[in-house]
Amino acid sequence: MTDLFSVRDKVVLVTGGTRGLGKMIARGFVEHGARVYVTSRKTADCAATESELGALGDCRALPSDLARPEEIARLVDELTRREPELDVLVNNAGTTWGAPLATYPLDAWDRVFAVNVRAVFQLTRDLLPQLQARATALEPSRVINVGSIAGERVTRATHSYAYGASKAAVHHLTRILSMDLAACHITVNSIAPGVFASRMTGHRVGKETMLEVAARGTPQGRAGAREDIVGTCLWLSARAGAHVTGAVIPLDGGLHTKPTEWRGDAPEMDLERS
């Protein structure tokens, strides 16, 4: 039982791993002895993260723009050349856009779905041989999709139509994939975070940031902390979480239990969460 929560020596890929939740997750795996690959579209951010987290353990960066299918294919090829076996895929990369319904741009809608949904599907599909390589019934490989509580409950604070819809799609895709991949010894789960500190939650709603608003309105009275997201990912990836699949885990301090409130019009925004 001493290794019940161990991820030591596992090979992990974290998308959107250079900031926000992705960086928290990547650091957690690095600190607990995994070999971690991070990817994001900005080469400079990848290099900086590789240097920073590499000082704590084994972290390597592979820049890739997940909005482009050909870039995902290149990422898969590069990772496969280095690692024929993959134990954990964390599909965390995400983007959002907020604008009033009448002016909501379709190109923004398409990009949100490309990054938040299509990339999750393509990476999972194309990395199946690596995920299956050493998976067993008692030690399956893991796919962890980072959704959002916005995919479970209605929020209109920022008019983020595509974001909420895309995260709902991620949650249901998780359930479908979990059924299809169970026989391959691969578990598929989603984490649905509430509000954590990030670029997105630094966006202001009136005089307060989204982080401040959420901290006040969450039943637990606080926003999510690094330990909350890291602990959930480590549990799902370790022997302790091997029998969990097809779950959408709310990680929001109970926010999903509360009714939403109308907050009026919100300004247009273009932010990447991770």
Protein backbone atom coordinates (compact mmCIF):
# COMPACT_ATOMS: atom_id res chain seq x y z
CA MET A 1 0.00 0.00 0.00
CA THR A 2 3.00 2.31 0.25
CA ASP A 3 2.84 3.01 -3.51
CA LEU A 4 -0.92 3.58 -3.61
CA PHE A 5 -0.52 7.24 -4.64
CA SER A 6 2.82 7.00 -6.45
CA VAL A 7 3.37 8.24 -10.02
CA ARG A 8 7.14 7.82 -9.92
CA ASP A 9 8.73 7.00 -13.31
CA LYS A 10 5.47 7.41 -15.20
CA VAL A 11 5.60 9.23 -18.54
CA VAL A 12 3.15 12.12 -18.67
CA LEU A 13 2.10 14.62 -21.34
CA VAL A 14 0.39 17.82 -20.16
CA THR A 15 -1.06 20.09 -22.84
CA GLY A 16 -1.24 23.78 -22.04
CA GLY A 17 1.43 22.96 -19.48
CA THR A 18 3.28 26.27 -19.39
CA ARG A 19 0.87 28.33 -17.30
CA GLY A 20 -2.27 28.24 -15.19
CA LEU A 21 -3.70 24.87 -14.21
CA GLY A 22 -1.53 23.06 -16.74
CA LYS A 23 1.66 24.31 -15.14
CA MET A 24 0.37 23.44 -11.67
CA ILE A 25 -0.40 19.92 -12.86
CA ALA A 26 2.94 19.51 -14.65
CA ARG A 27 4.86 20.69 -11.61
CA GLY A 28 2.96 18.28 -9.38
CA PHE A 29 3.89 15.32 -11.56
CA VAL A 30 7.52 16.47 -11.80
CA GLU A 31 7.81 16.87 -8.04
CA HIS A 32 6.46 13.36 -7.54
CA GLY A 33 8.99 11.69 -9.80
CA ALA A 34 7.28 11.43 -13.19
CA ARG A 35 8.91 12.26 -16.52
CA VAL A 36 6.78 15.10 -17.81
CA TYR A 37 6.38 16.61 -21.26
CA VAL A 38 4.63 19.95 -21.55
CA THR A 39 3.34 21.58 -24.68
CA SER A 40 1.90 24.97 -25.60
CA ARG A 41 1.96 27.11 -28.72
CA LYS A 42 4.55 29.64 -27.51
CA THR A 43 8.13 28.42 -27.86
CA ALA A 44 9.48 30.91 -25.32
CA ASP A 45 6.97 29.77 -22.69
CA CYS A 46 7.90 26.16 -23.35
CA ALA A 47 11.59 26.88 -22.91
CA ALA A 48 11.00 28.82 -19.71
CA THR A 49 8.83 26.09 -18.22
CA GLU A 50 11.31 23.37 -19.17
CA SER A 51 14.05 25.32 -17.41
CA GLU A 52 11.96 26.13 -14.32
CA LEU A 53 10.42 22.71 -13.76
CA GLY A 54 13.54 20.94 -14.97
CA ALA A 55 15.28 22.26 -11.87
CA LEU A 56 12.79 20.23 -9.79
CA GLY A 57 12.92 16.99 -11.76
CA ASP A 58 12.42 15.65 -15.28
CA CYS A 59 10.50 18.11 -17.46
CA ARG A 60 10.77 18.49 -21.23
CA ALA A 61 8.94 20.83 -23.59
CA LEU A 62 7.52 20.23 -27.07
CA PRO A 63 5.95 23.40 -28.52
CA SER A 64 2.76 22.86 -30.53
CA ASP A 65 -0.32 24.85 -31.56
CA LEU A 66 -3.19 22.50 -30.77
CA ALA A 67 -5.65 24.54 -32.84
CA ARG A 68 -3.96 23.08 -35.95
CA PRO A 69 -4.36 19.35 -36.70
CA GLU A 70 -1.01 19.19 -38.49
CA GLU A 71 0.70 20.57 -35.37
CA ILE A 72 -0.91 17.87 -33.25
CA ALA A 73 0.35 15.26 -35.71
CA ARG A 74 3.86 16.69 -35.41
CA LEU A 75 3.63 16.67 -31.62
CA VAL A 76 2.58 13.01 -31.64
CA ASP A 77 5.48 12.11 -33.94
CA GLU A 78 8.03 13.95 -31.79
CA LEU A 79 6.75 12.45 -28.56
CA THR A 80 6.62 8.95 -30.03
CA ARG A 81 10.25 9.18 -31.16
CA ARG A 82 11.24 9.95 -27.59
CA GLU A 83 8.71 7.84 -25.69
CA PRO A 84 7.19 4.68 -27.17
CA GLU A 85 5.10 4.34 -24.00
CA LEU A 86 2.82 6.97 -22.43
CA ASP A 87 1.20 6.45 -19.04
CA VAL A 88 -0.80 9.64 -18.59
CA LEU A 89 -2.25 12.12 -21.08
CA VAL A 90 -3.58 15.31 -19.51
CA ASN A 91 -5.69 17.20 -22.04
CA ASN A 92 -5.62 20.58 -20.33
CA ALA A 93 -5.05 23.17 -23.07
CA GLY A 94 -8.01 25.47 -23.47
CA THR A 95 -9.12 28.83 -24.76
CA THR A 96 -12.22 31.00 -24.45
CA TRP A 97 -13.97 34.01 -25.89
CA GLY A 98 -16.73 36.17 -24.51
CA ALA A 99 -18.99 38.53 -26.47
CA PRO A 100 -22.72 39.37 -26.64
CA LEU A 101 -24.78 36.89 -28.61
CA ALA A 102 -25.60 39.29 -31.45
CA THR A 103 -21.92 39.95 -32.19
CA TYR A 104 -20.36 36.64 -31.18
CA PRO A 105 -17.84 35.83 -33.97
CA LEU A 106 -18.01 32.43 -35.61
CA ASP A 107 -14.25 32.27 -36.08
CA ALA A 108 -13.86 32.58 -32.31
CA TRP A 109 -16.42 29.80 -31.85
CA ASP A 110 -14.45 27.56 -34.23
CA ARG A 111 -11.13 28.20 -32.50
CA VAL A 112 -12.57 27.47 -29.04
CA PHE A 113 -13.96 24.13 -30.25
CA ALA A 114 -10.75 23.33 -32.14
CA VAL A 115 -8.59 23.68 -29.03
CA ASN A 116 -11.05 22.56 -26.36
CA VAL A 117 -12.69 19.59 -28.10
CA ARG A 118 -11.10 18.54 -31.39
CA ALA A 119 -7.57 18.54 -29.97
CA VAL A 120 -8.69 16.36 -27.05
CA PHE A 121 -10.15 13.83 -29.47
CA GLN A 122 -7.23 13.91 -31.91
CA LEU A 123 -4.52 13.57 -29.27
CA THR A 124 -6.31 10.72 -27.52
CA ARG A 125 -6.92 8.92 -30.81
CA ASP A 126 -3.42 9.38 -32.18
CA LEU A 127 -1.63 8.47 -28.94
CA LEU A 128 -3.56 5.23 -28.40
CA PRO A 129 -0.62 2.97 -29.35
CA GLN A 130 1.58 4.68 -26.77
CA LEU A 131 -1.15 4.62 -24.13
CA GLN A 132 -1.74 0.92 -24.70
CA ALA A 133 1.95 -0.05 -24.76
CA ARG A 134 2.29 -1.05 -21.12
CA ALA A 135 -1.24 -0.67 -19.78
CA THR A 136 -2.67 -3.51 -17.71
CA ALA A 137 -5.95 -4.17 -15.92
CA LEU A 138 -4.49 -3.24 -12.53
CA GLU A 139 -2.26 -0.46 -13.85
CA PRO A 140 -4.12 1.15 -16.74
CA SER A 141 -2.96 4.17 -18.65
CA ARG A 142 -4.85 7.35 -17.93
CA VAL A 143 -6.47 10.11 -19.97
CA ILE A 144 -7.43 13.11 -17.84
CA ASN A 145 -9.47 15.78 -19.58
CA VAL A 146 -9.64 19.17 -17.90
CA GLY A 147 -13.17 20.38 -18.47
CA SER A 148 -14.89 23.06 -16.44
CA ILE A 149 -17.80 23.52 -14.11
CA ALA A 150 -19.04 25.83 -16.88
CA GLY A 151 -19.78 22.63 -18.80
CA GLU A 152 -22.09 21.46 -16.01
CA ARG A 153 -23.98 24.63 -15.04
CA VAL A 154 -25.13 27.75 -16.85
CA THR A 155 -23.14 30.93 -16.31
CA ARG A 156 -23.68 34.16 -18.23
CA ALA A 157 -21.15 36.39 -16.52
CA THR A 158 -18.93 36.68 -19.61
CA HIS A 159 -21.18 35.53 -22.49
CA SER A 160 -18.76 32.66 -23.12
CA TYR A 161 -21.11 30.64 -25.30
CA ALA A 162 -18.49 28.49 -26.99
CA TYR A 163 -16.52 27.85 -23.80
CA GLY A 164 -19.36 26.35 -21.78
CA ALA A 165 -20.65 24.35 -24.75
CA SER A 166 -17.16 23.04 -25.52
CA LYS A 167 -16.58 21.92 -21.94
CA ALA A 168 -19.91 20.13 -21.89
CA ALA A 169 -18.74 18.37 -25.04
CA VAL A 170 -15.47 17.40 -23.34
CA HIS A 171 -17.37 15.90 -20.41
CA HIS A 172 -19.59 13.78 -22.64
CA LEU A 173 -16.69 12.80 -24.89
CA THR A 174 -14.98 11.60 -21.72
CA ARG A 175 -17.88 9.28 -20.96
CA ILE A 176 -17.94 7.90 -24.51
CA LEU A 177 -14.19 7.32 -24.65
CA SER A 178 -14.17 5.68 -21.23
CA MET A 179 -16.55 3.01 -22.51
CA ASP A 180 -14.63 2.45 -25.74
CA LEU A 181 -11.18 2.31 -24.11
CA ALA A 182 -11.94 0.24 -21.02
CA ALA A 183 -11.03 -2.99 -22.81
CA CYS A 184 -7.70 -1.40 -23.80
CA HIS A 185 -6.87 -0.81 -20.10
CA ILE A 186 -7.14 2.97 -20.44
CA THR A 187 -9.22 5.02 -18.03
CA VAL A 188 -10.71 8.33 -19.17
CA ASN A 189 -11.92 10.92 -16.67
CA SER A 190 -12.67 14.63 -16.60
CA ILE A 191 -11.94 17.17 -13.92
CA ALA A 192 -14.39 20.09 -13.87
CA PRO A 193 -12.60 22.93 -12.06
CA GLY A 194 -14.36 25.94 -10.69
CA VAL A 195 -12.33 29.11 -10.34
CA PHE A 196 -8.57 28.91 -9.84
CA ALA A 197 -5.99 31.67 -10.16
CA SER A 198 -5.15 32.12 -13.87
CA ARG A 199 -5.11 34.69 -16.65
CA MET A 200 -8.77 34.01 -17.26
CA THR A 201 -9.84 34.55 -13.67
CA GLY A 202 -7.85 37.76 -13.53
CA HIS A 203 -10.46 39.22 -15.91
CA ARG A 204 -12.57 41.87 -14.21
CA VAL A 205 -16.31 41.77 -13.78
CA GLY A 206 -17.04 45.32 -12.68
CA LYS A 207 -14.64 46.32 -9.89
CA GLU A 208 -13.67 42.78 -8.95
CA THR A 209 -11.77 39.98 -10.63
CA MET A 210 -13.54 36.73 -11.45
CA LEU A 211 -11.31 35.12 -8.81
CA GLU A 212 -12.53 37.52 -6.13
CA VAL A 213 -16.17 37.06 -7.11
CA ALA A 214 -15.86 33.27 -7.03
CA ALA A 215 -14.01 33.17 -3.72
CA ARG A 216 -16.88 35.05 -2.12
CA GLY A 217 -19.62 33.00 -3.78
CA THR A 218 -18.22 29.47 -3.39
CA PRO A 219 -19.74 27.42 -0.55
CA GLN A 220 -16.24 26.73 0.79
CA GLY A 221 -15.49 30.44 0.69
CA ARG A 222 -12.34 30.21 -1.39
CA ALA A 223 -11.03 29.62 -4.90
CA GLY A 224 -9.18 26.46 -5.84
CA ALA A 225 -5.55 26.04 -4.77
CA ARG A 226 -2.65 24.31 -6.51
CA GLU A 227 -2.87 21.36 -4.14
CA ASP A 228 -6.50 20.76 -5.11
CA ILE A 229 -5.88 20.23 -8.82
CA VAL A 230 -2.55 18.46 -8.34
CA GLY A 231 -3.95 16.08 -5.74
CA THR A 232 -6.86 15.11 -7.97
CA CYS A 233 -4.59 14.42 -10.95
CA LEU A 234 -2.13 12.39 -8.88
CA TRP A 235 -4.93 10.29 -7.39
CA LEU A 236 -6.46 9.58 -10.80
CA SER A 237 -3.02 8.65 -12.21
CA ALA A 238 -1.85 6.43 -9.36
CA ARG A 239 -2.90 2.91 -8.35
CA ALA A 240 -5.48 4.49 -6.03
CA GLY A 241 -7.44 5.77 -9.02
CA ALA A 242 -7.11 2.76 -11.30
CA HIS A 243 -10.76 1.69 -11.01
CA VAL A 244 -12.21 5.16 -11.74
CA THR A 245 -13.29 5.82 -15.31
CA GLY A 246 -15.99 7.80 -17.08
CA ALA A 247 -16.27 10.27 -14.21
CA VAL A 248 -16.66 14.04 -14.36
CA ILE A 249 -15.28 15.26 -11.05
CA PRO A 250 -16.40 18.71 -9.88
CA LEU A 251 -13.45 20.53 -8.33
CA ASP A 252 -15.14 23.76 -7.38
CA GLY A 253 -15.67 23.90 -3.63
CA GLY A 254 -19.34 23.09 -4.06
CA LEU A 255 -20.07 25.82 -6.60
CA HIS A 256 -21.94 23.38 -8.85
CA THR A 257 -24.57 22.96 -6.13
CA LYS A 258 -25.58 26.62 -6.23
CA PRO A 259 -28.02 28.28 -8.66
CA THR A 260 -26.44 30.78 -11.03
CA GLU A 261 -27.15 34.50 -10.97
CA TRP A 262 -27.58 36.91 -13.86
CA ARG A 263 -24.82 39.53 -13.82
CA GLY A 264 -25.86 41.63 -16.80
CA ASP A 265 -23.77 42.47 -19.82
CA ALA A 266 -20.07 41.64 -19.85
CA PRO A 267 -17.30 43.07 -22.05
CA GLU A 268 -15.83 41.14 -24.95
CA MET A 269 -12.77 39.14 -24.01
CA ASP A 270 -10.21 36.90 -25.66
CA LEU A 271 -8.23 34.87 -23.15
CA GLU A 272 -6.51 31.52 -22.97
CA ARG A 273 -7.07 29.69 -19.71
CA SER A 274 -3.88 27.72 -19.62
